[in-house]
Amino acid sequence: MTQSELKDFLDEKVAQYNHPKFLEDDPIQVPHRFSAKEDIEISGFLTATIAWGNRKSIINNATRLMELLDNAPNDFIQNHTETDLEKLGPFVHRTFNVIDLRYFVQSLNNIYKHHGGLESVFSKHQEKDSLQSSISQFKTTFFELPHQTRTQKHVSDPLKGSAAKRINMFFRWMVRDNGTGVDFGLWKSLKPYQLSCPLDVHSGNVARKLKLLKRKQNDAKALAELDKSLRKLDPVDPVKYDFALFGLGVFEKF
């Protein structure tokens, strides 16, 4: 398959999957239940944080999480009391439990009250063609309050070798244009060309079959390699191909 043929093939798959029907079985449906910017980004961040494992389970648990936040995530984050925190348990999604959730609520409160919110923190350390340093610096800010060491594993650090799949997926949700009704396009301080593909077992396997990726591990080095390949196909909006790679892997067993 030539480069041109590959681009045409993937563009067709993007058009097929970058569609509102995609929301029916994807965790992004959870932030789509809100309309205010802060509600969308907070619900999106928390949903992305627990987005590993069975997608039905992710959606169910993210829905439960929003219920624990009174289906008003921004208000809860900004105005919760100690009694409200006590009511969050028991919550668990795989290894993410109520200890982690309580810290996430407290840290998000700190970020919105003292750092200008999630978009502000992530945009401070952006580079021209990458947001991976931004993620690493975000982790430092996120864990500046007293916390249990166990909770740190729920925020990835690309500078320590992680592909940071869940935060890169969250970036896609917040930054890419909302013209198709899937992603939100809420964050204007970041640009689609800076984004990295959410790399997981599905997108990684498809990318290798299509010779977009050679490295066997799904780590930060593989992400950099995949980014380079996708930016050759579309330097303006390379992460649109996440829809193609994910759809081919999950729905078509490519």
C-alpha atoms as a PDB file:
ATOM      1  CA  MET A   1       0.000   0.000   0.000  1.00  0.00           C
ATOM      2  CA  THR A   2       1.490   3.351  -1.038  1.00  0.00           C
ATOM      3  CA  GLN A   3       1.468   6.379   1.266  1.00  0.00           C
ATOM      4  CA  SER A   4      -1.335   7.892  -0.798  1.00  0.00           C
ATOM      5  CA  GLU A   5      -3.391   4.690  -0.699  1.00  0.00           C
ATOM      6  CA  LEU A   6      -2.838   4.379   3.036  1.00  0.00           C
ATOM      7  CA  LYS A   7      -3.991   7.951   3.608  1.00  0.00           C
ATOM      8  CA  ASP A   8      -7.119   7.402   1.500  1.00  0.00           C
ATOM      9  CA  PHE A   9      -7.901   4.184   3.374  1.00  0.00           C
ATOM     10  CA  LEU A  10      -7.474   5.757   6.802  1.00  0.00           C
ATOM     11  CA  ASP A  11      -9.358   8.911   5.831  1.00  0.00           C
ATOM     12  CA  GLU A  12     -12.323   6.722   4.885  1.00  0.00           C
ATOM     13  CA  LYS A  13     -12.164   5.015   8.282  1.00  0.00           C
ATOM     14  CA  VAL A  14     -11.978   8.378  10.047  1.00  0.00           C
ATOM     15  CA  ALA A  15     -15.146   9.477   8.246  1.00  0.00           C
ATOM     16  CA  GLN A  16     -16.794   6.205   9.237  1.00  0.00           C
ATOM     17  CA  TYR A  17     -15.977   6.334  12.947  1.00  0.00           C
ATOM     18  CA  ASN A  18     -15.658  10.068  13.702  1.00  0.00           C
ATOM     19  CA  HIS A  19     -19.440  10.217  13.873  1.00  0.00           C
ATOM     20  CA  PRO A  20     -22.021  10.767  16.654  1.00  0.00           C
ATOM     21  CA  LYS A  21     -22.819   7.037  16.597  1.00  0.00           C
ATOM     22  CA  PHE A  22     -19.329   6.585  18.062  1.00  0.00           C
ATOM     23  CA  LEU A  23     -20.692   8.026  21.324  1.00  0.00           C
ATOM     24  CA  GLU A  24     -23.076   5.106  21.858  1.00  0.00           C
ATOM     25  CA  ASP A  25     -20.363   2.744  23.119  1.00  0.00           C
ATOM     26  CA  ASP A  26     -17.543   5.107  24.074  1.00  0.00           C
ATOM     27  CA  PRO A  27     -16.683   6.733  27.434  1.00  0.00           C
ATOM     28  CA  ILE A  28     -16.742  10.177  25.791  1.00  0.00           C
ATOM     29  CA  GLN A  29     -20.531   9.964  26.100  1.00  0.00           C
ATOM     30  CA  VAL A  30     -20.160  10.814  29.818  1.00  0.00           C
ATOM     31  CA  PRO A  31     -18.811  14.390  29.403  1.00  0.00           C
ATOM     32  CA  HIS A  32     -21.319  14.845  26.572  1.00  0.00           C
ATOM     33  CA  ARG A  33     -24.041  14.837  29.242  1.00  0.00           C
ATOM     34  CA  PHE A  34     -22.884  18.293  30.358  1.00  0.00           C
ATOM     35  CA  SER A  35     -22.923  21.697  28.693  1.00  0.00           C
ATOM     36  CA  ALA A  36     -20.727  24.005  30.815  1.00  0.00           C
ATOM     37  CA  LYS A  37     -16.992  24.046  30.011  1.00  0.00           C
ATOM     38  CA  GLU A  38     -15.833  23.194  33.530  1.00  0.00           C
ATOM     39  CA  ASP A  39     -18.360  20.360  33.901  1.00  0.00           C
ATOM     40  CA  ILE A  40     -17.262  18.888  30.575  1.00  0.00           C
ATOM     41  CA  GLU A  41     -13.533  19.046  31.278  1.00  0.00           C
ATOM     42  CA  ILE A  42     -13.786  17.775  34.868  1.00  0.00           C
ATOM     43  CA  SER A  43     -16.113  14.901  33.936  1.00  0.00           C
ATOM     44  CA  GLY A  44     -13.912  14.190  30.923  1.00  0.00           C
ATOM     45  CA  PHE A  45     -10.732  14.118  32.987  1.00  0.00           C
ATOM     46  CA  LEU A  46     -12.215  11.800  35.601  1.00  0.00           C
ATOM     47  CA  THR A  47     -13.755   9.537  32.966  1.00  0.00           C
ATOM     48  CA  ALA A  48     -10.473   9.342  31.051  1.00  0.00           C
ATOM     49  CA  THR A  49      -8.652   8.548  34.308  1.00  0.00           C
ATOM     50  CA  ILE A  50     -10.623   5.319  34.733  1.00  0.00           C
ATOM     51  CA  ALA A  51     -10.766   4.505  31.018  1.00  0.00           C
ATOM     52  CA  TRP A  52      -9.063   1.137  30.980  1.00  0.00           C
ATOM     53  CA  GLY A  53     -10.607  -2.292  30.791  1.00  0.00           C
ATOM     54  CA  ASN A  54     -14.079  -3.168  29.522  1.00  0.00           C
ATOM     55  CA  ARG A  55     -15.728  -0.130  27.918  1.00  0.00           C
ATOM     56  CA  LYS A  56     -19.177  -0.959  29.295  1.00  0.00           C
ATOM     57  CA  SER A  57     -17.686  -1.123  32.774  1.00  0.00           C
ATOM     58  CA  ILE A  58     -15.871   2.184  32.214  1.00  0.00           C
ATOM     59  CA  ILE A  59     -19.101   3.908  31.173  1.00  0.00           C
ATOM     60  CA  ASN A  60     -21.073   2.408  34.063  1.00  0.00           C
ATOM     61  CA  ASN A  61     -18.476   3.391  36.639  1.00  0.00           C
ATOM     62  CA  ALA A  62     -17.971   6.859  35.179  1.00  0.00           C
ATOM     63  CA  THR A  63     -21.735   7.335  35.332  1.00  0.00           C
ATOM     64  CA  ARG A  64     -21.691   6.216  38.957  1.00  0.00           C
ATOM     65  CA  LEU A  65     -18.844   8.621  39.626  1.00  0.00           C
ATOM     66  CA  MET A  66     -20.847  11.540  38.215  1.00  0.00           C
ATOM     67  CA  GLU A  67     -23.767  10.540  40.447  1.00  0.00           C
ATOM     68  CA  LEU A  68     -21.453  10.675  43.473  1.00  0.00           C
ATOM     69  CA  LEU A  69     -20.561  14.218  42.377  1.00  0.00           C
ATOM     70  CA  ASP A  70     -24.298  15.063  42.318  1.00  0.00           C
ATOM     71  CA  ASN A  71     -24.154  15.218  38.487  1.00  0.00           C
ATOM     72  CA  ALA A  72     -22.625  18.669  38.976  1.00  0.00           C
ATOM     73  CA  PRO A  73     -18.880  17.954  38.873  1.00  0.00           C
ATOM     74  CA  ASN A  74     -17.637  21.539  38.843  1.00  0.00           C
ATOM     75  CA  ASP A  75     -19.861  22.611  41.731  1.00  0.00           C
ATOM     76  CA  PHE A  76     -18.818  19.547  43.728  1.00  0.00           C
ATOM     77  CA  ILE A  77     -15.113  20.122  43.057  1.00  0.00           C
ATOM     78  CA  GLN A  78     -15.309  23.806  43.967  1.00  0.00           C
ATOM     79  CA  ASN A  79     -17.622  23.601  46.986  1.00  0.00           C
ATOM     80  CA  HIS A  80     -17.404  20.148  48.572  1.00  0.00           C
ATOM     81  CA  THR A  81     -17.127  19.678  52.306  1.00  0.00           C
ATOM     82  CA  GLU A  82     -15.391  16.974  54.322  1.00  0.00           C
ATOM     83  CA  THR A  83     -18.794  15.342  54.766  1.00  0.00           C
ATOM     84  CA  ASP A  84     -19.226  15.270  50.989  1.00  0.00           C
ATOM     85  CA  LEU A  85     -15.864  13.498  50.647  1.00  0.00           C
ATOM     86  CA  GLU A  86     -16.950  10.875  53.149  1.00  0.00           C
ATOM     87  CA  LYS A  87     -19.992  10.099  50.986  1.00  0.00           C
ATOM     88  CA  LEU A  88     -17.828   9.185  47.982  1.00  0.00           C
ATOM     89  CA  GLY A  89     -17.142   5.684  49.248  1.00  0.00           C
ATOM     90  CA  PRO A  90     -17.240   2.969  48.409  1.00  0.00           C
ATOM     91  CA  PHE A  91     -16.164   3.649  44.822  1.00  0.00           C
ATOM     92  CA  VAL A  92     -13.863   1.404  42.850  1.00  0.00           C
ATOM     93  CA  HIS A  93     -12.893   0.895  39.229  1.00  0.00           C
ATOM     94  CA  ARG A  94     -10.210  -1.771  38.981  1.00  0.00           C
ATOM     95  CA  THR A  95      -7.299  -0.303  41.011  1.00  0.00           C
ATOM     96  CA  PHE A  96      -8.806   3.198  41.285  1.00  0.00           C
ATOM     97  CA  ASN A  97     -10.634   3.396  44.594  1.00  0.00           C
ATOM     98  CA  VAL A  98     -12.174   5.906  46.975  1.00  0.00           C
ATOM     99  CA  ILE A  99      -8.762   6.896  48.400  1.00  0.00           C
ATOM    100  CA  ASP A 100      -7.714   7.952  44.918  1.00  0.00           C
ATOM    101  CA  LEU A 101     -11.054   9.600  44.174  1.00  0.00           C
ATOM    102  CA  ARG A 102     -10.962  11.739  47.302  1.00  0.00           C
ATOM    103  CA  TYR A 103      -7.491  12.963  46.429  1.00  0.00           C
ATOM    104  CA  PHE A 104      -8.511  13.680  42.827  1.00  0.00           C
ATOM    105  CA  VAL A 105     -11.396  15.827  44.099  1.00  0.00           C
ATOM    106  CA  GLN A 106      -9.111  17.741  46.465  1.00  0.00           C
ATOM    107  CA  SER A 107      -6.405  18.198  43.838  1.00  0.00           C
ATOM    108  CA  LEU A 108      -8.864  19.413  41.204  1.00  0.00           C
ATOM    109  CA  ASN A 109     -10.191  21.892  43.754  1.00  0.00           C
ATOM    110  CA  ASN A 110      -6.627  23.151  44.208  1.00  0.00           C
ATOM    111  CA  ILE A 111      -6.065  23.348  40.456  1.00  0.00           C
ATOM    112  CA  TYR A 112      -9.212  25.393  39.822  1.00  0.00           C
ATOM    113  CA  LYS A 113      -8.731  27.678  42.817  1.00  0.00           C
ATOM    114  CA  HIS A 114      -4.986  28.279  42.609  1.00  0.00           C
ATOM    115  CA  HIS A 115      -3.812  27.353  39.090  1.00  0.00           C
ATOM    116  CA  GLY A 116      -6.572  28.625  36.799  1.00  0.00           C
ATOM    117  CA  GLY A 117      -8.074  25.236  35.948  1.00  0.00           C
ATOM    118  CA  LEU A 118      -7.100  22.197  33.900  1.00  0.00           C
ATOM    119  CA  GLU A 119      -6.598  23.995  30.584  1.00  0.00           C
ATOM    120  CA  SER A 120      -4.349  26.568  32.206  1.00  0.00           C
ATOM    121  CA  VAL A 121      -2.123  23.957  33.857  1.00  0.00           C
ATOM    122  CA  PHE A 122      -1.776  21.832  30.735  1.00  0.00           C
ATOM    123  CA  SER A 123      -1.051  24.816  28.473  1.00  0.00           C
ATOM    124  CA  LYS A 124       1.754  26.293  30.591  1.00  0.00           C
ATOM    125  CA  HIS A 125       4.450  23.871  29.494  1.00  0.00           C
ATOM    126  CA  GLN A 126       3.335  23.086  25.959  1.00  0.00           C
ATOM    127  CA  GLU A 127       5.933  22.683  23.252  1.00  0.00           C
ATOM    128  CA  LYS A 128       5.521  23.573  19.592  1.00  0.00           C
ATOM    129  CA  ASP A 129       4.813  20.028  18.444  1.00  0.00           C
ATOM    130  CA  SER A 130       4.192  18.094  21.660  1.00  0.00           C
ATOM    131  CA  LEU A 131       2.223  18.113  24.897  1.00  0.00           C
ATOM    132  CA  GLN A 132       4.126  15.305  26.580  1.00  0.00           C
ATOM    133  CA  SER A 133       6.183  17.686  28.753  1.00  0.00           C
ATOM    134  CA  SER A 134       2.912  19.364  29.699  1.00  0.00           C
ATOM    135  CA  ILE A 135       1.604  16.050  31.016  1.00  0.00           C
ATOM    136  CA  SER A 136       4.748  15.504  33.083  1.00  0.00           C
ATOM    137  CA  GLN A 137       4.582  19.000  34.579  1.00  0.00           C
ATOM    138  CA  PHE A 138       0.860  18.561  35.202  1.00  0.00           C
ATOM    139  CA  LYS A 139       1.586  15.464  37.277  1.00  0.00           C
ATOM    140  CA  THR A 140       3.937  17.498  39.474  1.00  0.00           C
ATOM    141  CA  THR A 141       1.260  20.132  40.027  1.00  0.00           C
ATOM    142  CA  PHE A 142      -1.486  17.577  40.524  1.00  0.00           C
ATOM    143  CA  PHE A 143       0.386  15.870  43.356  1.00  0.00           C
ATOM    144  CA  GLU A 144       1.611  18.973  45.172  1.00  0.00           C
ATOM    145  CA  LEU A 145      -0.841  18.312  48.047  1.00  0.00           C
ATOM    146  CA  PRO A 146      -0.274  15.602  50.686  1.00  0.00           C
ATOM    147  CA  HIS A 147      -1.313  12.248  49.240  1.00  0.00           C
ATOM    148  CA  GLN A 148      -0.797   8.513  49.383  1.00  0.00           C
ATOM    149  CA  THR A 149       1.895   7.218  47.045  1.00  0.00           C
ATOM    150  CA  ARG A 150      -0.538   4.664  45.570  1.00  0.00           C
ATOM    151  CA  THR A 151      -2.552   7.429  43.897  1.00  0.00           C
ATOM    152  CA  GLN A 152       0.358   8.625  41.738  1.00  0.00           C
ATOM    153  CA  LYS A 153       0.018   5.615  39.418  1.00  0.00           C
ATOM    154  CA  HIS A 154      -3.264   6.995  38.107  1.00  0.00           C
ATOM    155  CA  VAL A 155      -1.556   9.915  36.330  1.00  0.00           C
ATOM    156  CA  SER A 156       1.036   8.888  33.741  1.00  0.00           C
ATOM    157  CA  ASP A 157       4.376  10.577  33.103  1.00  0.00           C
ATOM    158  CA  PRO A 158       5.613  10.459  29.468  1.00  0.00           C
ATOM    159  CA  LEU A 159       9.075  11.625  30.518  1.00  0.00           C
ATOM    160  CA  LYS A 160       9.372   8.368  32.472  1.00  0.00           C
ATOM    161  CA  GLY A 161       8.493   6.235  29.451  1.00  0.00           C
ATOM    162  CA  SER A 162       4.703   6.093  29.519  1.00  0.00           C
ATOM    163  CA  ALA A 163       2.566   6.477  26.388  1.00  0.00           C
ATOM    164  CA  ALA A 164       0.046   8.298  28.647  1.00  0.00           C
ATOM    165  CA  LYS A 165      -2.860   6.883  26.655  1.00  0.00           C
ATOM    166  CA  ARG A 166      -5.648   8.184  28.869  1.00  0.00           C
ATOM    167  CA  ILE A 167      -4.455  11.791  29.128  1.00  0.00           C
ATOM    168  CA  ASN A 168      -3.712  11.906  25.393  1.00  0.00           C
ATOM    169  CA  MET A 169      -7.262  10.664  24.819  1.00  0.00           C
ATOM    170  CA  PHE A 170      -8.553  13.401  27.151  1.00  0.00           C
ATOM    171  CA  PHE A 171      -6.567  15.964  25.121  1.00  0.00           C
ATOM    172  CA  ARG A 172      -8.230  14.698  21.948  1.00  0.00           C
ATOM    173  CA  TRP A 173     -11.641  15.180  23.527  1.00  0.00           C
ATOM    174  CA  MET A 174     -10.871  18.729  24.684  1.00  0.00           C
ATOM    175  CA  VAL A 175      -8.838  20.073  21.751  1.00  0.00           C
ATOM    176  CA  ARG A 176     -10.039  18.568  18.456  1.00  0.00           C
ATOM    177  CA  ASP A 177     -12.767  20.379  16.560  1.00  0.00           C
ATOM    178  CA  ASN A 178     -16.354  19.515  17.509  1.00  0.00           C
ATOM    179  CA  GLY A 179     -17.659  19.714  13.953  1.00  0.00           C
ATOM    180  CA  THR A 180     -18.670  16.054  13.904  1.00  0.00           C
ATOM    181  CA  GLY A 181     -20.229  16.128  17.362  1.00  0.00           C
ATOM    182  CA  VAL A 182     -17.714  13.717  18.906  1.00  0.00           C
ATOM    183  CA  ASP A 183     -14.801  15.734  20.321  1.00  0.00           C
ATOM    184  CA  PHE A 184     -15.456  19.064  22.044  1.00  0.00           C
ATOM    185  CA  GLY A 185     -12.961  21.645  20.747  1.00  0.00           C
ATOM    186  CA  LEU A 186     -13.186  23.483  24.088  1.00  0.00           C
ATOM    187  CA  TRP A 187      -9.523  24.270  24.675  1.00  0.00           C
ATOM    188  CA  LYS A 188      -8.293  27.011  22.341  1.00  0.00           C
ATOM    189  CA  SER A 189      -4.872  27.453  23.963  1.00  0.00           C
ATOM    190  CA  LEU A 190      -3.793  24.069  22.581  1.00  0.00           C
ATOM    191  CA  LYS A 191      -3.857  23.028  18.927  1.00  0.00           C
ATOM    192  CA  PRO A 192      -4.745  19.706  17.244  1.00  0.00           C
ATOM    193  CA  TYR A 193      -1.310  19.447  15.586  1.00  0.00           C
ATOM    194  CA  GLN A 194       0.289  19.236  19.053  1.00  0.00           C
ATOM    195  CA  LEU A 195      -1.720  16.177  20.040  1.00  0.00           C
ATOM    196  CA  SER A 196      -0.459  12.610  20.287  1.00  0.00           C
ATOM    197  CA  CYS A 197      -2.471   9.522  19.431  1.00  0.00           C
ATOM    198  CA  PRO A 198      -3.914   7.628  22.414  1.00  0.00           C
ATOM    199  CA  LEU A 199      -1.764   4.529  22.032  1.00  0.00           C
ATOM    200  CA  ASP A 200      -3.157   1.260  23.377  1.00  0.00           C
ATOM    201  CA  VAL A 201      -3.117  -2.400  22.398  1.00  0.00           C
ATOM    202  CA  HIS A 202      -5.756  -1.894  19.663  1.00  0.00           C
ATOM    203  CA  SER A 203      -4.332   1.204  17.971  1.00  0.00           C
ATOM    204  CA  GLY A 204      -0.797  -0.126  18.408  1.00  0.00           C
ATOM    205  CA  ASN A 205      -1.499  -3.476  16.759  1.00  0.00           C
ATOM    206  CA  VAL A 206      -3.301  -1.858  13.807  1.00  0.00           C
ATOM    207  CA  ALA A 207      -0.532   0.724  13.406  1.00  0.00           C
ATOM    208  CA  ARG A 208       2.055  -2.071  13.217  1.00  0.00           C
ATOM    209  CA  LYS A 209       0.060  -3.981  10.612  1.00  0.00           C
ATOM    210  CA  LEU A 210      -0.157  -0.800   8.536  1.00  0.00           C
ATOM    211  CA  LYS A 211       3.612  -0.194   9.009  1.00  0.00           C
ATOM    212  CA  LEU A 212       3.008   3.092  10.815  1.00  0.00           C
ATOM    213  CA  LEU A 213       4.831   1.728  13.845  1.00  0.00           C
ATOM    214  CA  LYS A 214       7.722  -0.685  14.280  1.00  0.00           C
ATOM    215  CA  ARG A 215       8.454  -0.572  18.002  1.00  0.00           C
ATOM    216  CA  LYS A 216       6.858  -3.494  19.821  1.00  0.00           C
ATOM    217  CA  GLN A 217       6.182  -1.870  23.208  1.00  0.00           C
ATOM    218  CA  ASN A 218       3.362   0.637  23.614  1.00  0.00           C
ATOM    219  CA  ASP A 219       5.508   3.220  25.388  1.00  0.00           C
ATOM    220  CA  ALA A 220       6.646   6.819  24.983  1.00  0.00           C
ATOM    221  CA  LYS A 221       9.151   5.917  22.250  1.00  0.00           C
ATOM    222  CA  ALA A 222       6.446   4.100  20.285  1.00  0.00           C
ATOM    223  CA  LEU A 223       4.163   7.098  20.696  1.00  0.00           C
ATOM    224  CA  ALA A 224       6.812   9.412  19.246  1.00  0.00           C
ATOM    225  CA  GLU A 225       7.264   7.050  16.295  1.00  0.00           C
ATOM    226  CA  LEU A 226       3.512   6.837  15.662  1.00  0.00           C
ATOM    227  CA  ASP A 227       3.145  10.607  15.970  1.00  0.00           C
ATOM    228  CA  LYS A 228       5.780  11.070  13.275  1.00  0.00           C
ATOM    229  CA  SER A 229       3.968   8.671  10.933  1.00  0.00           C
ATOM    230  CA  LEU A 230       0.527  10.207  11.479  1.00  0.00           C
ATOM    231  CA  ARG A 231       1.798  13.766  11.037  1.00  0.00           C
ATOM    232  CA  LYS A 232       3.056  12.793   7.601  1.00  0.00           C
ATOM    233  CA  LEU A 233      -0.529  11.829   6.718  1.00  0.00           C
ATOM    234  CA  ASP A 234      -2.061  14.981   8.212  1.00  0.00           C
ATOM    235  CA  PRO A 235       0.233  17.563   9.849  1.00  0.00           C
ATOM    236  CA  VAL A 236      -2.710  19.728  10.937  1.00  0.00           C
ATOM    237  CA  ASP A 237      -4.914  17.112  12.621  1.00  0.00           C
ATOM    238  CA  PRO A 238      -2.911  13.876  12.969  1.00  0.00           C
ATOM    239  CA  VAL A 239      -4.900  12.475  15.894  1.00  0.00           C
ATOM    240  CA  LYS A 240      -8.061  12.171  13.809  1.00  0.00           C
ATOM    241  CA  TYR A 241      -6.524   8.830  12.826  1.00  0.00           C
ATOM    242  CA  ASP A 242      -7.165   7.583  16.360  1.00  0.00           C
ATOM    243  CA  PHE A 243     -10.719   6.919  15.166  1.00  0.00           C
ATOM    244  CA  ALA A 244      -9.428   4.844  12.241  1.00  0.00           C
ATOM    245  CA  LEU A 245      -6.880   2.821  14.221  1.00  0.00           C
ATOM    246  CA  PHE A 246      -9.243   2.214  17.142  1.00  0.00           C
ATOM    247  CA  GLY A 247     -12.212   1.386  14.911  1.00  0.00           C
ATOM    248  CA  LEU A 248     -10.206  -1.030  12.786  1.00  0.00           C
ATOM    249  CA  GLY A 249      -8.897  -2.766  15.890  1.00  0.00           C
ATOM    250  CA  VAL A 250     -11.990  -2.910  18.098  1.00  0.00           C
ATOM    251  CA  PHE A 251     -14.860  -3.104  15.630  1.00  0.00           C
ATOM    252  CA  GLU A 252     -13.267  -4.755  12.585  1.00  0.00           C
ATOM    253  CA  LYS A 253     -10.641  -6.952  14.287  1.00  0.00           C
ATOM    254  CA  PHE A 254      -8.239  -5.770  11.568  1.00  0.00           C
END
